[in-house]
Amino acid sequence: MSGNEVKLNPEQMDRYWGKTRNLTFVILFLWFIFAILIPWFAGPLNSVSFMGFPLGFYMTVQGSLIAFVVLIFVQNWRQDRIDDEFGLQEEE
């Protein structure tokens, strides 16, 4: 930060890091689901067809990539909201 550095008291800092930590855990959990669990269960999912492809194959190849990009945008959007709430937004 530049000369306009914001100082948070310990209680505010604990709340800020608590919200940031919880957001990180939620994003990592969702990432785990799309990176590990869905490919793990791709075999049983293949009995269902989606757009002419087996669902397990589609979710592993295409769906997971879409989910990862969406997770990145959601995480950045939500972290910006947390930063704004505590007055820690970046200067442009």
PDB file of N, CA and C in Angstrom:
ATOM      1  N   MET A   1       0.827  -1.179   0.000  1.00  0.00           N
ATOM      2  CA  MET A   1       0.000   0.000   0.000  1.00  0.00           C
ATOM      3  C   MET A   1       0.871   1.242   0.000  1.00  0.00           C
ATOM      4  N   SER A   2       0.298   2.323  -0.411  1.00  0.00           N
ATOM      5  CA  SER A   2       1.039   3.575  -0.466  1.00  0.00           C
ATOM      6  C   SER A   2       0.857   4.331   0.842  1.00  0.00           C
ATOM      7  N   GLY A   3       0.926   5.650   0.804  1.00  0.00           N
ATOM      8  CA  GLY A   3       0.827   6.495   1.976  1.00  0.00           C
ATOM      9  C   GLY A   3      -0.535   6.456   2.639  1.00  0.00           C
ATOM     10  N   ASN A   4      -1.563   5.946   1.981  1.00  0.00           N
ATOM     11  CA  ASN A   4      -2.911   5.881   2.536  1.00  0.00           C
ATOM     12  C   ASN A   4      -3.151   4.542   3.221  1.00  0.00           C
ATOM     13  N   GLU A   5      -2.171   3.999   3.879  1.00  0.00           N
ATOM     14  CA  GLU A   5      -2.283   2.662   4.452  1.00  0.00           C
ATOM     15  C   GLU A   5      -3.361   2.620   5.525  1.00  0.00           C
ATOM     16  N   VAL A   6      -4.228   1.610   5.449  1.00  0.00           N
ATOM     17  CA  VAL A   6      -5.318   1.433   6.402  1.00  0.00           C
ATOM     18  C   VAL A   6      -4.828   0.525   7.516  1.00  0.00           C
ATOM     19  N   LYS A   7      -5.075   0.956   8.750  1.00  0.00           N
ATOM     20  CA  LYS A   7      -4.703   0.140   9.914  1.00  0.00           C
ATOM     21  C   LYS A   7      -5.971  -0.459  10.494  1.00  0.00           C
ATOM     22  N   LEU A   8      -5.976  -1.771  10.641  1.00  0.00           N
ATOM     23  CA  LEU A   8      -7.103  -2.460  11.247  1.00  0.00           C
ATOM     24  C   LEU A   8      -6.747  -2.841  12.676  1.00  0.00           C
ATOM     25  N   ASN A   9      -7.719  -2.709  13.568  1.00  0.00           N
ATOM     26  CA  ASN A   9      -7.450  -3.155  14.933  1.00  0.00           C
ATOM     27  C   ASN A   9      -7.460  -4.684  14.946  1.00  0.00           C
ATOM     28  N   PRO A  10      -6.959  -5.300  16.015  1.00  0.00           N
ATOM     29  CA  PRO A  10      -6.855  -6.772  16.036  1.00  0.00           C
ATOM     30  C   PRO A  10      -8.188  -7.485  15.813  1.00  0.00           C
ATOM     31  N   GLU A  11      -9.295  -6.939  16.348  1.00  0.00           N
ATOM     32  CA  GLU A  11     -10.600  -7.573  16.150  1.00  0.00           C
ATOM     33  C   GLU A  11     -11.013  -7.526  14.687  1.00  0.00           C
ATOM     34  N   GLN A  12     -10.810  -6.385  14.038  1.00  0.00           N
ATOM     35  CA  GLN A  12     -11.139  -6.271  12.613  1.00  0.00           C
ATOM     36  C   GLN A  12     -10.254  -7.198  11.785  1.00  0.00           C
ATOM     37  N   MET A  13      -8.980  -7.257  12.135  1.00  0.00           N
ATOM     38  CA  MET A  13      -8.054  -8.114  11.398  1.00  0.00           C
ATOM     39  C   MET A  13      -8.456  -9.584  11.535  1.00  0.00           C
ATOM     40  N   ASP A  14      -8.876 -10.003  12.739  1.00  0.00           N
ATOM     41  CA  ASP A  14      -9.340 -11.384  12.929  1.00  0.00           C
ATOM     42  C   ASP A  14     -10.573 -11.671  12.083  1.00  0.00           C
ATOM     43  N   ARG A  15     -11.528 -10.735  12.035  1.00  0.00           N
ATOM     44  CA  ARG A  15     -12.730 -10.914  11.224  1.00  0.00           C
ATOM     45  C   ARG A  15     -12.373 -10.970   9.738  1.00  0.00           C
ATOM     46  N   TYR A  16     -11.448 -10.084   9.318  1.00  0.00           N
ATOM     47  CA  TYR A  16     -11.026 -10.051   7.916  1.00  0.00           C
ATOM     48  C   TYR A  16     -10.392 -11.384   7.513  1.00  0.00           C
ATOM     49  N   TRP A  17      -9.432 -11.852   8.303  1.00  0.00           N
ATOM     50  CA  TRP A  17      -8.754 -13.096   7.960  1.00  0.00           C
ATOM     51  C   TRP A  17      -9.680 -14.296   8.112  1.00  0.00           C
ATOM     52  N   GLY A  18     -10.644 -14.220   9.034  1.00  0.00           N
ATOM     53  CA  GLY A  18     -11.624 -15.289   9.161  1.00  0.00           C
ATOM     54  C   GLY A  18     -12.468 -15.417   7.898  1.00  0.00           C
ATOM     55  N   LYS A  19     -12.955 -14.292   7.392  1.00  0.00           N
ATOM     56  CA  LYS A  19     -13.745 -14.318   6.159  1.00  0.00           C
ATOM     57  C   LYS A  19     -12.907 -14.769   4.974  1.00  0.00           C
ATOM     58  N   THR A  20     -11.667 -14.291   4.896  1.00  0.00           N
ATOM     59  CA  THR A  20     -10.782 -14.691   3.800  1.00  0.00           C
ATOM     60  C   THR A  20     -10.471 -16.183   3.873  1.00  0.00           C
ATOM     61  N   ARG A  21     -10.204 -16.674   5.086  1.00  0.00           N
ATOM     62  CA  ARG A  21      -9.909 -18.108   5.271  1.00  0.00           C
ATOM     63  C   ARG A  21     -11.123 -18.962   4.886  1.00  0.00           C
ATOM     64  N   ASN A  22     -12.306 -18.564   5.337  1.00  0.00           N
ATOM     65  CA  ASN A  22     -13.516 -19.323   5.017  1.00  0.00           C
ATOM     66  C   ASN A  22     -13.771 -19.345   3.513  1.00  0.00           C
ATOM     67  N   LEU A  23     -13.575 -18.214   2.852  1.00  0.00           N
ATOM     68  CA  LEU A  23     -13.726 -18.165   1.398  1.00  0.00           C
ATOM     69  C   LEU A  23     -12.738 -19.120   0.734  1.00  0.00           C
ATOM     70  N   THR A  24     -11.502 -19.112   1.191  1.00  0.00           N
ATOM     71  CA  THR A  24     -10.479 -19.991   0.622  1.00  0.00           C
ATOM     72  C   THR A  24     -10.853 -21.459   0.808  1.00  0.00           C
ATOM     73  N   PHE A  25     -11.352 -21.820   2.003  1.00  0.00           N
ATOM     74  CA  PHE A  25     -11.747 -23.211   2.246  1.00  0.00           C
ATOM     75  C   PHE A  25     -12.904 -23.630   1.342  1.00  0.00           C
ATOM     76  N   VAL A  26     -13.890 -22.758   1.173  1.00  0.00           N
ATOM     77  CA  VAL A  26     -15.029 -23.086   0.312  1.00  0.00           C
ATOM     78  C   VAL A  26     -14.562 -23.291  -1.133  1.00  0.00           C
ATOM     79  N   ILE A  27     -13.727 -22.374  -1.630  1.00  0.00           N
ATOM     80  CA  ILE A  27     -13.225 -22.480  -3.008  1.00  0.00           C
ATOM     81  C   ILE A  27     -12.395 -23.753  -3.174  1.00  0.00           C
ATOM     82  N   LEU A  28     -11.536 -24.061  -2.198  1.00  0.00           N
ATOM     83  CA  LEU A  28     -10.723 -25.272  -2.294  1.00  0.00           C
ATOM     84  C   LEU A  28     -11.579 -26.537  -2.242  1.00  0.00           C
ATOM     85  N   PHE A  29     -12.641 -26.515  -1.437  1.00  0.00           N
ATOM     86  CA  PHE A  29     -13.546 -27.663  -1.378  1.00  0.00           C
ATOM     87  C   PHE A  29     -14.235 -27.872  -2.721  1.00  0.00           C
ATOM     88  N   LEU A  30     -14.736 -26.788  -3.301  1.00  0.00           N
ATOM     89  CA  LEU A  30     -15.379 -26.901  -4.613  1.00  0.00           C
ATOM     90  C   LEU A  30     -14.379 -27.344  -5.675  1.00  0.00           C
ATOM     91  N   TRP A  31     -13.155 -26.824  -5.603  1.00  0.00           N
ATOM     92  CA  TRP A  31     -12.103 -27.238  -6.538  1.00  0.00           C
ATOM     93  C   TRP A  31     -11.860 -28.741  -6.404  1.00  0.00           C
ATOM     94  N   PHE A  32     -11.804 -29.238  -5.161  1.00  0.00           N
ATOM     95  CA  PHE A  32     -11.608 -30.666  -4.911  1.00  0.00           C
ATOM     96  C   PHE A  32     -12.716 -31.495  -5.556  1.00  0.00           C
ATOM     97  N   ILE A  33     -13.948 -31.032  -5.419  1.00  0.00           N
ATOM     98  CA  ILE A  33     -15.078 -31.756  -6.009  1.00  0.00           C
ATOM     99  C   ILE A  33     -14.900 -31.885  -7.513  1.00  0.00           C
ATOM    100  N   PHE A  34     -14.569 -30.771  -8.180  1.00  0.00           N
ATOM    101  CA  PHE A  34     -14.462 -30.806  -9.637  1.00  0.00           C
ATOM    102  C   PHE A  34     -13.160 -31.444 -10.129  1.00  0.00           C
ATOM    103  N   ALA A  35     -12.113 -31.415  -9.323  1.00  0.00           N
ATOM    104  CA  ALA A  35     -10.826 -31.973  -9.763  1.00  0.00           C
ATOM    105  C   ALA A  35     -10.661 -33.442  -9.401  1.00  0.00           C
ATOM    106  N   ILE A  36     -11.273 -33.883  -8.288  1.00  0.00           N
ATOM    107  CA  ILE A  36     -11.044 -35.248  -7.806  1.00  0.00           C
ATOM    108  C   ILE A  36     -12.313 -36.091  -7.818  1.00  0.00           C
ATOM    109  N   LEU A  37     -13.377 -35.604  -7.188  1.00  0.00           N
ATOM    110  CA  LEU A  37     -14.568 -36.441  -7.020  1.00  0.00           C
ATOM    111  C   LEU A  37     -15.285 -36.750  -8.328  1.00  0.00           C
ATOM    112  N   ILE A  38     -15.516 -35.746  -9.149  1.00  0.00           N
ATOM    113  CA  ILE A  38     -16.230 -36.001 -10.406  1.00  0.00           C
ATOM    114  C   ILE A  38     -15.437 -36.945 -11.311  1.00  0.00           C
ATOM    115  N   PRO A  39     -14.116 -36.732 -11.511  1.00  0.00           N
ATOM    116  CA  PRO A  39     -13.375 -37.720 -12.310  1.00  0.00           C
ATOM    117  C   PRO A  39     -13.362 -39.115 -11.658  1.00  0.00           C
ATOM    118  N   TRP A  40     -13.354 -39.168 -10.331  1.00  0.00           N
ATOM    119  CA  TRP A  40     -13.359 -40.447  -9.621  1.00  0.00           C
ATOM    120  C   TRP A  40     -14.616 -41.247  -9.952  1.00  0.00           C
ATOM    121  N   PHE A  41     -15.750 -40.548 -10.057  1.00  0.00           N
ATOM    122  CA  PHE A  41     -17.023 -41.195 -10.343  1.00  0.00           C
ATOM    123  C   PHE A  41     -17.415 -41.088 -11.813  1.00  0.00           C
ATOM    124  N   ALA A  42     -16.466 -40.888 -12.675  1.00  0.00           N
ATOM    125  CA  ALA A  42     -16.763 -40.749 -14.107  1.00  0.00           C
ATOM    126  C   ALA A  42     -17.356 -42.028 -14.681  1.00  0.00           C
ATOM    127  N   GLY A  43     -16.917 -43.173 -14.219  1.00  0.00           N
ATOM    128  CA  GLY A  43     -17.440 -44.451 -14.725  1.00  0.00           C
ATOM    129  C   GLY A  43     -18.944 -44.564 -14.577  1.00  0.00           C
ATOM    130  N   PRO A  44     -19.471 -44.434 -13.348  1.00  0.00           N
ATOM    131  CA  PRO A  44     -20.934 -44.511 -13.182  1.00  0.00           C
ATOM    132  C   PRO A  44     -21.676 -43.381 -13.904  1.00  0.00           C
ATOM    133  N   LEU A  45     -21.061 -42.197 -13.998  1.00  0.00           N
ATOM    134  CA  LEU A  45     -21.708 -41.079 -14.686  1.00  0.00           C
ATOM    135  C   LEU A  45     -21.797 -41.320 -16.192  1.00  0.00           C
ATOM    136  N   ASN A  46     -20.942 -42.168 -16.716  1.00  0.00           N
ATOM    137  CA  ASN A  46     -20.935 -42.418 -18.160  1.00  0.00           C
ATOM    138  C   ASN A  46     -22.195 -43.125 -18.650  1.00  0.00           C
ATOM    139  N   SER A  47     -22.996 -43.647 -17.735  1.00  0.00           N
ATOM    140  CA  SER A  47     -24.247 -44.289 -18.156  1.00  0.00           C
ATOM    141  C   SER A  47     -25.278 -43.256 -18.617  1.00  0.00           C
ATOM    142  N   VAL A  48     -25.042 -41.986 -18.280  1.00  0.00           N
ATOM    143  CA  VAL A  48     -25.928 -40.897 -18.708  1.00  0.00           C
ATOM    144  C   VAL A  48     -25.242 -40.148 -19.845  1.00  0.00           C
ATOM    145  N   SER A  49     -26.012 -39.744 -20.839  1.00  0.00           N
ATOM    146  CA  SER A  49     -25.457 -39.029 -21.987  1.00  0.00           C
ATOM    147  C   SER A  49     -25.813 -37.546 -21.909  1.00  0.00           C
ATOM    148  N   PHE A  50     -24.861 -36.684 -22.280  1.00  0.00           N
ATOM    149  CA  PHE A  50     -25.074 -35.238 -22.315  1.00  0.00           C
ATOM    150  C   PHE A  50     -24.502 -34.701 -23.615  1.00  0.00           C
ATOM    151  N   MET A  51     -25.340 -34.134 -24.456  1.00  0.00           N
ATOM    152  CA  MET A  51     -24.932 -33.604 -25.759  1.00  0.00           C
ATOM    153  C   MET A  51     -24.232 -34.664 -26.608  1.00  0.00           C
ATOM    154  N   GLY A  52     -24.642 -35.917 -26.439  1.00  0.00           N
ATOM    155  CA  GLY A  52     -24.073 -37.003 -27.225  1.00  0.00           C
ATOM    156  C   GLY A  52     -22.800 -37.592 -26.646  1.00  0.00           C
ATOM    157  N   PHE A  53     -22.313 -37.054 -25.547  1.00  0.00           N
ATOM    158  CA  PHE A  53     -21.105 -37.569 -24.898  1.00  0.00           C
ATOM    159  C   PHE A  53     -21.486 -38.221 -23.575  1.00  0.00           C
ATOM    160  N   PRO A  54     -20.720 -39.212 -23.138  1.00  0.00           N
ATOM    161  CA  PRO A  54     -20.960 -39.759 -21.797  1.00  0.00           C
ATOM    162  C   PRO A  54     -20.756 -38.651 -20.755  1.00  0.00           C
ATOM    163  N   LEU A  55     -21.657 -38.543 -19.780  1.00  0.00           N
ATOM    164  CA  LEU A  55     -21.619 -37.446 -18.810  1.00  0.00           C
ATOM    165  C   LEU A  55     -20.313 -37.402 -18.024  1.00  0.00           C
ATOM    166  N   GLY A  56     -19.787 -38.544 -17.615  1.00  0.00           N
ATOM    167  CA  GLY A  56     -18.519 -38.567 -16.877  1.00  0.00           C
ATOM    168  C   GLY A  56     -17.383 -37.991 -17.692  1.00  0.00           C
ATOM    169  N   PHE A  57     -17.316 -38.369 -18.967  1.00  0.00           N
ATOM    170  CA  PHE A  57     -16.288 -37.832 -19.851  1.00  0.00           C
ATOM    171  C   PHE A  57     -16.462 -36.329 -20.023  1.00  0.00           C
ATOM    172  N   TYR A  58     -17.705 -35.899 -20.278  1.00  0.00           N
ATOM    173  CA  TYR A  58     -17.964 -34.477 -20.507  1.00  0.00           C
ATOM    174  C   TYR A  58     -17.608 -33.648 -19.276  1.00  0.00           C
ATOM    175  N   MET A  59     -18.033 -34.094 -18.090  1.00  0.00           N
ATOM    176  CA  MET A  59     -17.763 -33.329 -16.868  1.00  0.00           C
ATOM    177  C   MET A  59     -16.269 -33.292 -16.551  1.00  0.00           C
ATOM    178  N   THR A  60     -15.561 -34.352 -16.863  1.00  0.00           N
ATOM    179  CA  THR A  60     -14.124 -34.368 -16.592  1.00  0.00           C
ATOM    180  C   THR A  60     -13.368 -33.468 -17.565  1.00  0.00           C
ATOM    181  N   VAL A  61     -13.713 -33.531 -18.824  1.00  0.00           N
ATOM    182  CA  VAL A  61     -12.963 -32.795 -19.839  1.00  0.00           C
ATOM    183  C   VAL A  61     -13.415 -31.343 -19.951  1.00  0.00           C
ATOM    184  N   GLN A  62     -14.702 -31.120 -20.068  1.00  0.00           N
ATOM    185  CA  GLN A  62     -15.210 -29.779 -20.336  1.00  0.00           C
ATOM    186  C   GLN A  62     -15.770 -29.113 -19.090  1.00  0.00           C
ATOM    187  N   GLY A  63     -16.597 -29.826 -18.349  1.00  0.00           N
ATOM    188  CA  GLY A  63     -17.272 -29.239 -17.203  1.00  0.00           C
ATOM    189  C   GLY A  63     -16.325 -28.769 -16.115  1.00  0.00           C
ATOM    190  N   SER A  64     -15.274 -29.548 -15.841  1.00  0.00           N
ATOM    191  CA  SER A  64     -14.321 -29.148 -14.806  1.00  0.00           C
ATOM    192  C   SER A  64     -13.586 -27.877 -15.194  1.00  0.00           C
ATOM    193  N   LEU A  65     -13.211 -27.752 -16.442  1.00  0.00           N
ATOM    194  CA  LEU A  65     -12.522 -26.530 -16.877  1.00  0.00           C
ATOM    195  C   LEU A  65     -13.415 -25.302 -16.735  1.00  0.00           C
ATOM    196  N   ILE A  66     -14.678 -25.459 -17.096  1.00  0.00           N
ATOM    197  CA  ILE A  66     -15.623 -24.351 -16.940  1.00  0.00           C
ATOM    198  C   ILE A  66     -15.770 -24.010 -15.462  1.00  0.00           C
ATOM    199  N   ALA A  67     -15.903 -25.021 -14.631  1.00  0.00           N
ATOM    200  CA  ALA A  67     -16.051 -24.795 -13.190  1.00  0.00           C
ATOM    201  C   ALA A  67     -14.830 -24.087 -12.614  1.00  0.00           C
ATOM    202  N   PHE A  68     -13.627 -24.457 -13.042  1.00  0.00           N
ATOM    203  CA  PHE A  68     -12.410 -23.818 -12.526  1.00  0.00           C
ATOM    204  C   PHE A  68     -12.372 -22.337 -12.873  1.00  0.00           C
ATOM    205  N   VAL A  69     -12.726 -21.995 -14.092  1.00  0.00           N
ATOM    206  CA  VAL A  69     -12.734 -20.584 -14.503  1.00  0.00           C
ATOM    207  C   VAL A  69     -13.780 -19.812 -13.701  1.00  0.00           C
ATOM    208  N   VAL A  70     -14.960 -20.400 -13.524  1.00  0.00           N
ATOM    209  CA  VAL A  70     -16.008 -19.739 -12.734  1.00  0.00           C
ATOM    210  C   VAL A  70     -15.546 -19.566 -11.289  1.00  0.00           C
ATOM    211  N   LEU A  71     -14.909 -20.580 -10.719  1.00  0.00           N
ATOM    212  CA  LEU A  71     -14.413 -20.477  -9.346  1.00  0.00           C
ATOM    213  C   LEU A  71     -13.387 -19.355  -9.191  1.00  0.00           C
ATOM    214  N   ILE A  72     -12.530 -19.183 -10.171  1.00  0.00           N
ATOM    215  CA  ILE A  72     -11.539 -18.102 -10.113  1.00  0.00           C
ATOM    216  C   ILE A  72     -12.230 -16.745 -10.074  1.00  0.00           C
ATOM    217  N   PHE A  73     -13.219 -16.549 -10.947  1.00  0.00           N
ATOM    218  CA  PHE A  73     -13.929 -15.268 -10.967  1.00  0.00           C
ATOM    219  C   PHE A  73     -14.730 -15.045  -9.685  1.00  0.00           C
ATOM    220  N   VAL A  74     -15.390 -16.089  -9.185  1.00  0.00           N
ATOM    221  CA  VAL A  74     -16.169 -15.960  -7.951  1.00  0.00           C
ATOM    222  C   VAL A  74     -15.254 -15.631  -6.777  1.00  0.00           C
ATOM    223  N   GLN A  75     -14.120 -16.312  -6.689  1.00  0.00           N
ATOM    224  CA  GLN A  75     -13.191 -16.054  -5.591  1.00  0.00           C
ATOM    225  C   GLN A  75     -12.675 -14.623  -5.647  1.00  0.00           C
ATOM    226  N   ASN A  76     -12.304 -14.144  -6.818  1.00  0.00           N
ATOM    227  CA  ASN A  76     -11.815 -12.769  -6.934  1.00  0.00           C
ATOM    228  C   ASN A  76     -12.899 -11.751  -6.617  1.00  0.00           C
ATOM    229  N   TRP A  77     -14.118 -11.988  -7.112  1.00  0.00           N
ATOM    230  CA  TRP A  77     -15.229 -11.075  -6.856  1.00  0.00           C
ATOM    231  C   TRP A  77     -15.538 -11.005  -5.363  1.00  0.00           C
ATOM    232  N   ARG A  78     -15.612 -12.185  -4.719  1.00  0.00           N
ATOM    233  CA  ARG A  78     -15.943 -12.211  -3.288  1.00  0.00           C
ATOM    234  C   ARG A  78     -14.820 -11.621  -2.447  1.00  0.00           C
ATOM    235  N   GLN A  79     -13.561 -11.866  -2.804  1.00  0.00           N
ATOM    236  CA  GLN A  79     -12.446 -11.301  -2.041  1.00  0.00           C
ATOM    237  C   GLN A  79     -12.427  -9.784  -2.173  1.00  0.00           C
ATOM    238  N   ASP A  80     -12.753  -9.267  -3.350  1.00  0.00           N
ATOM    239  CA  ASP A  80     -12.852  -7.815  -3.509  1.00  0.00           C
ATOM    240  C   ASP A  80     -13.928  -7.246  -2.599  1.00  0.00           C
ATOM    241  N   ARG A  81     -15.045  -7.951  -2.468  1.00  0.00           N
ATOM    242  CA  ARG A  81     -16.122  -7.493  -1.573  1.00  0.00           C
ATOM    243  C   ARG A  81     -15.649  -7.493  -0.120  1.00  0.00           C
ATOM    244  N   ILE A  82     -14.912  -8.511   0.287  1.00  0.00           N
ATOM    245  CA  ILE A  82     -14.372  -8.572   1.650  1.00  0.00           C
ATOM    246  C   ILE A  82     -13.383  -7.427   1.858  1.00  0.00           C
ATOM    247  N   ASP A  83     -12.501  -7.202   0.897  1.00  0.00           N
ATOM    248  CA  ASP A  83     -11.541  -6.095   0.998  1.00  0.00           C
ATOM    249  C   ASP A  83     -12.252  -4.756   1.118  1.00  0.00           C
ATOM    250  N   ASP A  84     -13.294  -4.548   0.313  1.00  0.00           N
ATOM    251  CA  ASP A  84     -14.059  -3.300   0.375  1.00  0.00           C
ATOM    252  C   ASP A  84     -14.723  -3.130   1.738  1.00  0.00           C
ATOM    253  N   GLU A  85     -15.238  -4.219   2.293  1.00  0.00           N
ATOM    254  CA  GLU A  85     -15.914  -4.168   3.585  1.00  0.00           C
ATOM    255  C   GLU A  85     -14.980  -3.651   4.688  1.00  0.00           C
ATOM    256  N   PHE A  86     -13.697  -4.007   4.589  1.00  0.00           N
ATOM    257  CA  PHE A  86     -12.739  -3.617   5.619  1.00  0.00           C
ATOM    258  C   PHE A  86     -11.862  -2.439   5.187  1.00  0.00           C
ATOM    259  N   GLY A  87     -12.183  -1.816   4.049  1.00  0.00           N
ATOM    260  CA  GLY A  87     -11.429  -0.661   3.604  1.00  0.00           C
ATOM    261  C   GLY A  87     -10.055  -0.978   3.064  1.00  0.00           C
ATOM    262  N   LEU A  88      -9.870  -2.174   2.560  1.00  0.00           N
ATOM    263  CA  LEU A  88      -8.562  -2.605   2.052  1.00  0.00           C
ATOM    264  C   LEU A  88      -8.514  -2.741   0.538  1.00  0.00           C
ATOM    265  N   GLN A  89      -9.433  -2.073  -0.157  1.00  0.00           N
ATOM    266  CA  GLN A  89      -9.478  -2.175  -1.608  1.00  0.00           C
ATOM    267  C   GLN A  89      -8.222  -1.556  -2.220  1.00  0.00           C
ATOM    268  N   GLU A  90      -7.855  -2.072  -3.384  1.00  0.00           N
ATOM    269  CA  GLU A  90      -6.688  -1.555  -4.103  1.00  0.00           C
ATOM    270  C   GLU A  90      -7.017  -0.223  -4.741  1.00  0.00           C
ATOM    271  N   GLU A  91      -6.017   0.638  -4.766  1.00  0.00           N
ATOM    272  CA  GLU A  91      -6.199   1.915  -5.449  1.00  0.00           C
ATOM    273  C   GLU A  91      -5.939   1.724  -6.927  1.00  0.00           C
ATOM    274  N   GLU A  92      -6.709   2.422  -7.751  1.00  0.00           N
ATOM    275  CA  GLU A  92      -6.525   2.285  -9.193  1.00  0.00           C
ATOM    276  C   GLU A  92      -5.844   3.501  -9.745  1.00  0.00           C
TER     277      GLU A  92
END
